Amino acid sequence: MITVGCVATLLFFGGWTSPFGSLLPAFGGIFLQAIVPVFWFVFKVFCFLFLYIWVRGTLPRLRYDQLMGFGWKFLMPLAIANILATSLWLALRSA
């Protein structure tokens, strides 16, 4: 779970950058400027882990056959419809 939290933080949550961007002034010495990105990264990982554990604890577990049925009966037709709609949109847009 920690590894998934680290990868999700790097890919989707901005990694070690501050969520406030450059709104906060740069303060402190080199040591503090090296520690602040580590703090933001660890904070984002802990937020993801909290969300992950919360969702896992509150939602019911699905059986494997239910999950496969959902994938084949709902997600596969939805994906095919998405591909067809996108190709139709691109074909009509270029014409």
PDB file of N, CA and C in Angstrom:
ATOM      1  N   MET A   1       0.818  -1.187   0.000  1.00  0.00           N
ATOM      2  CA  MET A   1       0.000   0.000   0.000  1.00  0.00           C
ATOM      3  C   MET A   1       0.867   1.258   0.000  1.00  0.00           C
ATOM      4  N   ILE A   2       1.985   1.196   0.683  1.00  0.00           N
ATOM      5  CA  ILE A   2       2.871   2.365   0.710  1.00  0.00           C
ATOM      6  C   ILE A   2       3.482   2.601  -0.665  1.00  0.00           C
ATOM      7  N   THR A   3       3.849   1.532  -1.349  1.00  0.00           N
ATOM      8  CA  THR A   3       4.418   1.678  -2.686  1.00  0.00           C
ATOM      9  C   THR A   3       3.393   2.269  -3.651  1.00  0.00           C
ATOM     10  N   VAL A   4       2.164   1.792  -3.585  1.00  0.00           N
ATOM     11  CA  VAL A   4       1.109   2.346  -4.440  1.00  0.00           C
ATOM     12  C   VAL A   4       0.862   3.802  -4.081  1.00  0.00           C
ATOM     13  N   GLY A   5       0.920   4.143  -2.797  1.00  0.00           N
ATOM     14  CA  GLY A   5       0.757   5.524  -2.375  1.00  0.00           C
ATOM     15  C   GLY A   5       1.862   6.416  -2.913  1.00  0.00           C
ATOM     16  N   CYS A   6       3.101   5.910  -2.904  1.00  0.00           N
ATOM     17  CA  CYS A   6       4.224   6.697  -3.442  1.00  0.00           C
ATOM     18  C   CYS A   6       4.095   6.897  -4.944  1.00  0.00           C
ATOM     19  N   VAL A   7       3.726   5.842  -5.660  1.00  0.00           N
ATOM     20  CA  VAL A   7       3.582   5.958  -7.114  1.00  0.00           C
ATOM     21  C   VAL A   7       2.414   6.882  -7.464  1.00  0.00           C
ATOM     22  N   ALA A   8       1.294   6.760  -6.748  1.00  0.00           N
ATOM     23  CA  ALA A   8       0.149   7.640  -7.008  1.00  0.00           C
ATOM     24  C   ALA A   8       0.493   9.081  -6.697  1.00  0.00           C
ATOM     25  N   THR A   9       1.276   9.310  -5.647  1.00  0.00           N
ATOM     26  CA  THR A   9       1.690  10.671  -5.319  1.00  0.00           C
ATOM     27  C   THR A   9       2.577  11.246  -6.414  1.00  0.00           C
ATOM     28  N   LEU A  10       3.486  10.448  -6.917  1.00  0.00           N
ATOM     29  CA  LEU A  10       4.370  10.932  -7.982  1.00  0.00           C
ATOM     30  C   LEU A  10       3.623  11.183  -9.284  1.00  0.00           C
ATOM     31  N   LEU A  11       2.667  10.294  -9.626  1.00  0.00           N
ATOM     32  CA  LEU A  11       1.992  10.409 -10.916  1.00  0.00           C
ATOM     33  C   LEU A  11       0.826  11.384 -10.917  1.00  0.00           C
ATOM     34  N   PHE A  12       0.050  11.423  -9.820  1.00  0.00           N
ATOM     35  CA  PHE A  12      -1.208  12.156  -9.849  1.00  0.00           C
ATOM     36  C   PHE A  12      -1.283  13.339  -8.893  1.00  0.00           C
ATOM     37  N   PHE A  13      -0.491  13.352  -7.834  1.00  0.00           N
ATOM     38  CA  PHE A  13      -0.637  14.383  -6.812  1.00  0.00           C
ATOM     39  C   PHE A  13       0.477  15.420  -6.826  1.00  0.00           C
ATOM     40  N   GLY A  14       1.311  15.443  -7.823  1.00  0.00           N
ATOM     41  CA  GLY A  14       2.336  16.476  -7.918  1.00  0.00           C
ATOM     42  C   GLY A  14       3.641  16.152  -7.227  1.00  0.00           C
ATOM     43  N   GLY A  15       3.802  14.932  -6.743  1.00  0.00           N
ATOM     44  CA  GLY A  15       5.072  14.533  -6.142  1.00  0.00           C
ATOM     45  C   GLY A  15       5.445  15.348  -4.926  1.00  0.00           C
ATOM     46  N   TRP A  16       6.619  15.940  -4.958  1.00  0.00           N
ATOM     47  CA  TRP A  16       7.169  16.654  -3.811  1.00  0.00           C
ATOM     48  C   TRP A  16       6.870  18.142  -3.831  1.00  0.00           C
ATOM     49  N   THR A  17       6.132  18.622  -4.833  1.00  0.00           N
ATOM     50  CA  THR A  17       5.847  20.055  -4.915  1.00  0.00           C
ATOM     51  C   THR A  17       4.737  20.441  -3.942  1.00  0.00           C
ATOM     52  N   SER A  18       4.750  21.683  -3.559  1.00  0.00           N
ATOM     53  CA  SER A  18       3.743  22.190  -2.638  1.00  0.00           C
ATOM     54  C   SER A  18       2.407  22.343  -3.360  1.00  0.00           C
ATOM     55  N   PRO A  19       1.302  22.011  -2.701  1.00  0.00           N
ATOM     56  CA  PRO A  19       0.010  22.206  -3.356  1.00  0.00           C
ATOM     57  C   PRO A  19      -0.356  23.677  -3.502  1.00  0.00           C
ATOM     58  N   PHE A  20       0.363  24.548  -2.827  1.00  0.00           N
ATOM     59  CA  PHE A  20       0.090  25.977  -2.911  1.00  0.00           C
ATOM     60  C   PHE A  20       0.944  26.674  -3.955  1.00  0.00           C
ATOM     61  N   GLY A  21       1.796  25.939  -4.639  1.00  0.00           N
ATOM     62  CA  GLY A  21       2.643  26.513  -5.678  1.00  0.00           C
ATOM     63  C   GLY A  21       3.633  27.499  -5.102  1.00  0.00           C
ATOM     64  N   SER A  22       3.716  28.661  -5.700  1.00  0.00           N
ATOM     65  CA  SER A  22       4.654  29.675  -5.231  1.00  0.00           C
ATOM     66  C   SER A  22       3.952  30.727  -4.366  1.00  0.00           C
ATOM     67  N   LEU A  23       2.794  30.383  -3.795  1.00  0.00           N
ATOM     68  CA  LEU A  23       2.093  31.324  -2.927  1.00  0.00           C
ATOM     69  C   LEU A  23       2.836  31.535  -1.614  1.00  0.00           C
ATOM     70  N   LEU A  24       3.483  30.483  -1.132  1.00  0.00           N
ATOM     71  CA  LEU A  24       4.233  30.597   0.102  1.00  0.00           C
ATOM     72  C   LEU A  24       5.640  31.092  -0.201  1.00  0.00           C
ATOM     73  N   PRO A  25       6.135  32.047   0.553  1.00  0.00           N
ATOM     74  CA  PRO A  25       7.489  32.549   0.284  1.00  0.00           C
ATOM     75  C   PRO A  25       8.539  31.511   0.668  1.00  0.00           C
ATOM     76  N   ALA A  26       9.663  31.555  -0.015  1.00  0.00           N
ATOM     77  CA  ALA A  26      10.780  30.671   0.315  1.00  0.00           C
ATOM     78  C   ALA A  26      11.438  31.193   1.585  1.00  0.00           C
ATOM     79  N   PHE A  27      11.531  30.350   2.579  1.00  0.00           N
ATOM     80  CA  PHE A  27      12.087  30.774   3.863  1.00  0.00           C
ATOM     81  C   PHE A  27      13.081  29.730   4.350  1.00  0.00           C
ATOM     82  N   GLY A  28      13.911  30.122   5.276  1.00  0.00           N
ATOM     83  CA  GLY A  28      14.861  29.197   5.869  1.00  0.00           C
ATOM     84  C   GLY A  28      16.102  29.018   5.020  1.00  0.00           C
ATOM     85  N   GLY A  29      16.968  28.195   5.513  1.00  0.00           N
ATOM     86  CA  GLY A  29      18.220  27.928   4.817  1.00  0.00           C
ATOM     87  C   GLY A  29      18.095  26.753   3.876  1.00  0.00           C
ATOM     88  N   ILE A  30      19.234  26.253   3.474  1.00  0.00           N
ATOM     89  CA  ILE A  30      19.278  25.132   2.529  1.00  0.00           C
ATOM     90  C   ILE A  30      18.692  23.877   3.165  1.00  0.00           C
ATOM     91  N   PHE A  31      18.963  23.681   4.446  1.00  0.00           N
ATOM     92  CA  PHE A  31      18.453  22.495   5.135  1.00  0.00           C
ATOM     93  C   PHE A  31      16.921  22.482   5.139  1.00  0.00           C
ATOM     94  N   LEU A  32      16.309  23.614   5.461  1.00  0.00           N
ATOM     95  CA  LEU A  32      14.850  23.686   5.492  1.00  0.00           C
ATOM     96  C   LEU A  32      14.259  23.571   4.089  1.00  0.00           C
ATOM     97  N   GLN A  33      14.927  24.127   3.100  1.00  0.00           N
ATOM     98  CA  GLN A  33      14.431  24.009   1.719  1.00  0.00           C
ATOM     99  C   GLN A  33      14.573  22.588   1.195  1.00  0.00           C
ATOM    100  N   ALA A  34      15.450  21.794   1.793  1.00  0.00           N
ATOM    101  CA  ALA A  34      15.572  20.392   1.396  1.00  0.00           C
ATOM    102  C   ALA A  34      14.559  19.515   2.123  1.00  0.00           C
ATOM    103  N   ILE A  35      14.128  19.930   3.312  1.00  0.00           N
ATOM    104  CA  ILE A  35      13.199  19.129   4.104  1.00  0.00           C
ATOM    105  C   ILE A  35      11.748  19.357   3.698  1.00  0.00           C
ATOM    106  N   VAL A  36      11.397  20.563   3.281  1.00  0.00           N
ATOM    107  CA  VAL A  36       9.997  20.883   2.958  1.00  0.00           C
ATOM    108  C   VAL A  36       9.452  20.003   1.832  1.00  0.00           C
ATOM    109  N   PRO A  37      10.165  19.752   0.720  1.00  0.00           N
ATOM    110  CA  PRO A  37       9.619  18.839  -0.301  1.00  0.00           C
ATOM    111  C   PRO A  37       9.415  17.410   0.216  1.00  0.00           C
ATOM    112  N   VAL A  38      10.287  16.953   1.101  1.00  0.00           N
ATOM    113  CA  VAL A  38      10.106  15.624   1.688  1.00  0.00           C
ATOM    114  C   VAL A  38       8.834  15.602   2.537  1.00  0.00           C
ATOM    115  N   PHE A  39       8.610  16.672   3.296  1.00  0.00           N
ATOM    116  CA  PHE A  39       7.384  16.772   4.088  1.00  0.00           C
ATOM    117  C   PHE A  39       6.146  16.699   3.196  1.00  0.00           C
ATOM    118  N   TRP A  40       6.134  17.454   2.098  1.00  0.00           N
ATOM    119  CA  TRP A  40       4.957  17.445   1.222  1.00  0.00           C
ATOM    120  C   TRP A  40       4.735  16.067   0.611  1.00  0.00           C
ATOM    121  N   PHE A  41       5.817  15.400   0.219  1.00  0.00           N
ATOM    122  CA  PHE A  41       5.682  14.068  -0.368  1.00  0.00           C
ATOM    123  C   PHE A  41       5.101  13.087   0.649  1.00  0.00           C
ATOM    124  N   VAL A  42       5.648  13.084   1.851  1.00  0.00           N
ATOM    125  CA  VAL A  42       5.167  12.162   2.888  1.00  0.00           C
ATOM    126  C   VAL A  42       3.728  12.501   3.276  1.00  0.00           C
ATOM    127  N   PHE A  43       3.397  13.772   3.352  1.00  0.00           N
ATOM    128  CA  PHE A  43       2.031  14.191   3.674  1.00  0.00           C
ATOM    129  C   PHE A  43       1.047  13.696   2.615  1.00  0.00           C
ATOM    130  N   LYS A  44       1.405  13.829   1.341  1.00  0.00           N
ATOM    131  CA  LYS A  44       0.517  13.371   0.270  1.00  0.00           C
ATOM    132  C   LYS A  44       0.378  11.856   0.272  1.00  0.00           C
ATOM    133  N   VAL A  45       1.467  11.141   0.579  1.00  0.00           N
ATOM    134  CA  VAL A  45       1.395   9.679   0.658  1.00  0.00           C
ATOM    135  C   VAL A  45       0.472   9.266   1.800  1.00  0.00           C
ATOM    136  N   PHE A  46       0.594   9.923   2.957  1.00  0.00           N
ATOM    137  CA  PHE A  46      -0.274   9.596   4.082  1.00  0.00           C
ATOM    138  C   PHE A  46      -1.736   9.922   3.778  1.00  0.00           C
ATOM    139  N   CYS A  47      -1.993  11.005   3.063  1.00  0.00           N
ATOM    140  CA  CYS A  47      -3.370  11.329   2.668  1.00  0.00           C
ATOM    141  C   CYS A  47      -3.934  10.251   1.751  1.00  0.00           C
ATOM    142  N   PHE A  48      -3.124   9.779   0.811  1.00  0.00           N
ATOM    143  CA  PHE A  48      -3.577   8.713  -0.075  1.00  0.00           C
ATOM    144  C   PHE A  48      -3.814   7.425   0.710  1.00  0.00           C
ATOM    145  N   LEU A  49      -2.917   7.090   1.648  1.00  0.00           N
ATOM    146  CA  LEU A  49      -3.096   5.883   2.449  1.00  0.00           C
ATOM    147  C   LEU A  49      -4.355   5.971   3.303  1.00  0.00           C
ATOM    148  N   PHE A  50      -4.628   7.143   3.871  1.00  0.00           N
ATOM    149  CA  PHE A  50      -5.850   7.323   4.642  1.00  0.00           C
ATOM    150  C   PHE A  50      -7.078   7.081   3.769  1.00  0.00           C
ATOM    151  N   LEU A  51      -7.091   7.675   2.575  1.00  0.00           N
ATOM    152  CA  LEU A  51      -8.206   7.484   1.657  1.00  0.00           C
ATOM    153  C   LEU A  51      -8.343   6.021   1.240  1.00  0.00           C
ATOM    154  N   TYR A  52      -7.214   5.379   0.969  1.00  0.00           N
ATOM    155  CA  TYR A  52      -7.194   3.975   0.537  1.00  0.00           C
ATOM    156  C   TYR A  52      -7.755   3.069   1.635  1.00  0.00           C
ATOM    157  N   ILE A  53      -7.314   3.257   2.858  1.00  0.00           N
ATOM    158  CA  ILE A  53      -7.783   2.423   3.965  1.00  0.00           C
ATOM    159  C   ILE A  53      -9.245   2.718   4.277  1.00  0.00           C
ATOM    160  N   TRP A  54      -9.640   3.971   4.166  1.00  0.00           N
ATOM    161  CA  TRP A  54     -11.021   4.348   4.439  1.00  0.00           C
ATOM    162  C   TRP A  54     -11.970   3.706   3.423  1.00  0.00           C
ATOM    163  N   VAL A  55     -11.644   3.801   2.144  1.00  0.00           N
ATOM    164  CA  VAL A  55     -12.494   3.207   1.105  1.00  0.00           C
ATOM    165  C   VAL A  55     -12.512   1.687   1.250  1.00  0.00           C
ATOM    166  N   ARG A  56     -11.367   1.105   1.534  1.00  0.00           N
ATOM    167  CA  ARG A  56     -11.293  -0.343   1.672  1.00  0.00           C
ATOM    168  C   ARG A  56     -12.091  -0.833   2.880  1.00  0.00           C
ATOM    169  N   GLY A  57     -12.134  -0.043   3.931  1.00  0.00           N
ATOM    170  CA  GLY A  57     -12.860  -0.452   5.121  1.00  0.00           C
ATOM    171  C   GLY A  57     -14.353  -0.214   5.049  1.00  0.00           C
ATOM    172  N   THR A  58     -14.802   0.736   4.234  1.00  0.00           N
ATOM    173  CA  THR A  58     -16.224   1.059   4.212  1.00  0.00           C
ATOM    174  C   THR A  58     -16.990   0.375   3.089  1.00  0.00           C
ATOM    175  N   LEU A  59     -16.358   0.123   1.962  1.00  0.00           N
ATOM    176  CA  LEU A  59     -17.062  -0.510   0.849  1.00  0.00           C
ATOM    177  C   LEU A  59     -17.011  -2.029   0.987  1.00  0.00           C
ATOM    178  N   PRO A  60     -18.062  -2.706   0.586  1.00  0.00           N
ATOM    179  CA  PRO A  60     -18.052  -4.174   0.684  1.00  0.00           C
ATOM    180  C   PRO A  60     -17.126  -4.787  -0.365  1.00  0.00           C
ATOM    181  N   ARG A  61     -16.610  -5.937  -0.031  1.00  0.00           N
ATOM    182  CA  ARG A  61     -15.769  -6.660  -0.998  1.00  0.00           C
ATOM    183  C   ARG A  61     -16.646  -7.351  -2.026  1.00  0.00           C
ATOM    184  N   LEU A  62     -16.210  -7.318  -3.255  1.00  0.00           N
ATOM    185  CA  LEU A  62     -16.933  -7.992  -4.323  1.00  0.00           C
ATOM    186  C   LEU A  62     -16.311  -9.361  -4.564  1.00  0.00           C
ATOM    187  N   ARG A  63     -17.159 -10.317  -4.849  1.00  0.00           N
ATOM    188  CA  ARG A  63     -16.636 -11.621  -5.226  1.00  0.00           C
ATOM    189  C   ARG A  63     -16.042 -11.535  -6.625  1.00  0.00           C
ATOM    190  N   TYR A  64     -15.180 -12.475  -6.948  1.00  0.00           N
ATOM    191  CA  TYR A  64     -14.497 -12.450  -8.234  1.00  0.00           C
ATOM    192  C   TYR A  64     -15.484 -12.569  -9.393  1.00  0.00           C
ATOM    193  N   ASP A  65     -16.504 -13.412  -9.249  1.00  0.00           N
ATOM    194  CA  ASP A  65     -17.472 -13.565 -10.340  1.00  0.00           C
ATOM    195  C   ASP A  65     -18.293 -12.286 -10.526  1.00  0.00           C
ATOM    196  N   GLN A  66     -18.588 -11.551  -9.447  1.00  0.00           N
ATOM    197  CA  GLN A  66     -19.296 -10.284  -9.585  1.00  0.00           C
ATOM    198  C   GLN A  66     -18.437  -9.255 -10.309  1.00  0.00           C
ATOM    199  N   LEU A  67     -17.168  -9.223  -9.973  1.00  0.00           N
ATOM    200  CA  LEU A  67     -16.256  -8.280 -10.610  1.00  0.00           C
ATOM    201  C   LEU A  67     -16.085  -8.592 -12.099  1.00  0.00           C
ATOM    202  N   MET A  68     -15.963  -9.873 -12.443  1.00  0.00           N
ATOM    203  CA  MET A  68     -15.842 -10.253 -13.847  1.00  0.00           C
ATOM    204  C   MET A  68     -17.128  -9.963 -14.616  1.00  0.00           C
ATOM    205  N   GLY A  69     -18.272 -10.203 -13.998  1.00  0.00           N
ATOM    206  CA  GLY A  69     -19.541  -9.886 -14.650  1.00  0.00           C
ATOM    207  C   GLY A  69     -19.686  -8.395 -14.901  1.00  0.00           C
ATOM    208  N   PHE A  70     -19.272  -7.567 -13.934  1.00  0.00           N
ATOM    209  CA  PHE A  70     -19.321  -6.121 -14.113  1.00  0.00           C
ATOM    210  C   PHE A  70     -18.407  -5.684 -15.247  1.00  0.00           C
ATOM    211  N   GLY A  71     -17.226  -6.302 -15.320  1.00  0.00           N
ATOM    212  CA  GLY A  71     -16.288  -5.949 -16.379  1.00  0.00           C
ATOM    213  C   GLY A  71     -16.792  -6.324 -17.766  1.00  0.00           C
ATOM    214  N   TRP A  72     -17.317  -7.524 -17.900  1.00  0.00           N
ATOM    215  CA  TRP A  72     -17.753  -7.982 -19.211  1.00  0.00           C
ATOM    216  C   TRP A  72     -19.090  -7.384 -19.631  1.00  0.00           C
ATOM    217  N   LYS A  73     -20.014  -7.222 -18.694  1.00  0.00           N
ATOM    218  CA  LYS A  73     -21.362  -6.787 -19.050  1.00  0.00           C
ATOM    219  C   LYS A  73     -21.533  -5.273 -19.083  1.00  0.00           C
ATOM    220  N   PHE A  74     -20.696  -4.528 -18.365  1.00  0.00           N
ATOM    221  CA  PHE A  74     -20.858  -3.082 -18.322  1.00  0.00           C
ATOM    222  C   PHE A  74     -19.647  -2.335 -18.862  1.00  0.00           C
ATOM    223  N   LEU A  75     -18.466  -2.676 -18.388  1.00  0.00           N
ATOM    224  CA  LEU A  75     -17.281  -1.907 -18.764  1.00  0.00           C
ATOM    225  C   LEU A  75     -16.828  -2.169 -20.202  1.00  0.00           C
ATOM    226  N   MET A  76     -16.930  -3.416 -20.673  1.00  0.00           N
ATOM    227  CA  MET A  76     -16.521  -3.725 -22.044  1.00  0.00           C
ATOM    228  C   MET A  76     -17.413  -3.022 -23.076  1.00  0.00           C
ATOM    229  N   PRO A  77     -18.744  -3.080 -22.966  1.00  0.00           N
ATOM    230  CA  PRO A  77     -19.562  -2.309 -23.918  1.00  0.00           C
ATOM    231  C   PRO A  77     -19.346  -0.806 -23.811  1.00  0.00           C
ATOM    232  N   LEU A  78     -19.096  -0.317 -22.599  1.00  0.00           N
ATOM    233  CA  LEU A  78     -18.816   1.099 -22.424  1.00  0.00           C
ATOM    234  C   LEU A  78     -17.514   1.491 -23.121  1.00  0.00           C
ATOM    235  N   ALA A  79     -16.495   0.647 -23.025  1.00  0.00           N
ATOM    236  CA  ALA A  79     -15.226   0.929 -23.696  1.00  0.00           C
ATOM    237  C   ALA A  79     -15.373   0.885 -25.212  1.00  0.00           C
ATOM    238  N   ILE A  80     -16.130  -0.072 -25.718  1.00  0.00           N
ATOM    239  CA  ILE A  80     -16.352  -0.157 -27.168  1.00  0.00           C
ATOM    240  C   ILE A  80     -17.141   1.058 -27.658  1.00  0.00           C
ATOM    241  N   ALA A  81     -18.159   1.462 -26.909  1.00  0.00           N
ATOM    242  CA  ALA A  81     -18.922   2.661 -27.282  1.00  0.00           C
ATOM    243  C   ALA A  81     -18.035   3.903 -27.248  1.00  0.00           C
ATOM    244  N   ASN A  82     -17.122   3.975 -26.295  1.00  0.00           N
ATOM    245  CA  ASN A  82     -16.201   5.100 -26.213  1.00  0.00           C
ATOM    246  C   ASN A  82     -15.269   5.137 -27.424  1.00  0.00           C
ATOM    247  N   ILE A  83     -14.765   3.998 -27.837  1.00  0.00           N
ATOM    248  CA  ILE A  83     -13.893   3.927 -29.014  1.00  0.00           C
ATOM    249  C   ILE A  83     -14.663   4.337 -30.270  1.00  0.00           C
ATOM    250  N   LEU A  84     -15.889   3.835 -30.418  1.00  0.00           N
ATOM    251  CA  LEU A  84     -16.685   4.183 -31.586  1.00  0.00           C
ATOM    252  C   LEU A  84     -17.042   5.673 -31.613  1.00  0.00           C
ATOM    253  N   ALA A  85     -17.426   6.220 -30.483  1.00  0.00           N
ATOM    254  CA  ALA A  85     -17.776   7.639 -30.420  1.00  0.00           C
ATOM    255  C   ALA A  85     -16.564   8.523 -30.697  1.00  0.00           C
ATOM    256  N   THR A  86     -15.407   8.143 -30.171  1.00  0.00           N
ATOM    257  CA  THR A  86     -14.197   8.928 -30.423  1.00  0.00           C
ATOM    258  C   THR A  86     -13.787   8.864 -31.883  1.00  0.00           C
ATOM    259  N   SER A  87     -13.857   7.673 -32.492  1.00  0.00           N
ATOM    260  CA  SER A  87     -13.489   7.561 -33.906  1.00  0.00           C
ATOM    261  C   SER A  87     -14.482   8.318 -34.788  1.00  0.00           C
ATOM    262  N   LEU A  88     -15.766   8.275 -34.448  1.00  0.00           N
ATOM    263  CA  LEU A  88     -16.761   9.030 -35.205  1.00  0.00           C
ATOM    264  C   LEU A  88     -16.518  10.532 -35.069  1.00  0.00           C
ATOM    265  N   TRP A  89     -16.198  10.989 -33.871  1.00  0.00           N
ATOM    266  CA  TRP A  89     -15.919  12.398 -33.636  1.00  0.00           C
ATOM    267  C   TRP A  89     -14.701  12.854 -34.435  1.00  0.00           C
ATOM    268  N   LEU A  90     -13.645  12.066 -34.432  1.00  0.00           N
ATOM    269  CA  LEU A  90     -12.445  12.427 -35.180  1.00  0.00           C
ATOM    270  C   LEU A  90     -12.668  12.385 -36.681  1.00  0.00           C
ATOM    271  N   ALA A  91     -13.485  11.424 -37.146  1.00  0.00           N
ATOM    272  CA  ALA A  91     -13.768  11.330 -38.581  1.00  0.00           C
ATOM    273  C   ALA A  91     -14.599  12.517 -39.049  1.00  0.00           C
ATOM    274  N   LEU A  92     -15.586  12.930 -38.268  1.00  0.00           N
ATOM    275  CA  LEU A  92     -16.428  14.053 -38.654  1.00  0.00           C
ATOM    276  C   LEU A  92     -15.692  15.380 -38.494  1.00  0.00           C
ATOM    277  N   ARG A  93     -14.791  15.462 -37.562  1.00  0.00           N
ATOM    278  CA  ARG A  93     -14.048  16.700 -37.338  1.00  0.00           C
ATOM    279  C   ARG A  93     -13.043  16.966 -38.454  1.00  0.00           C
ATOM    280  N   SER A  94     -12.444  15.910 -38.990  1.00  0.00           N
ATOM    281  CA  SER A  94     -11.435  16.107 -40.029  1.00  0.00           C
ATOM    282  C   SER A  94     -12.072  16.307 -41.415  1.00  0.00           C
ATOM    283  N   ALA A  95     -13.328  15.951 -41.564  1.00  0.00           N
ATOM    284  CA  ALA A  95     -14.002  16.092 -42.867  1.00  0.00           C
ATOM    285  C   ALA A  95     -14.460  17.503 -43.136  1.00  0.00           C
TER     286      ALA A  95
END
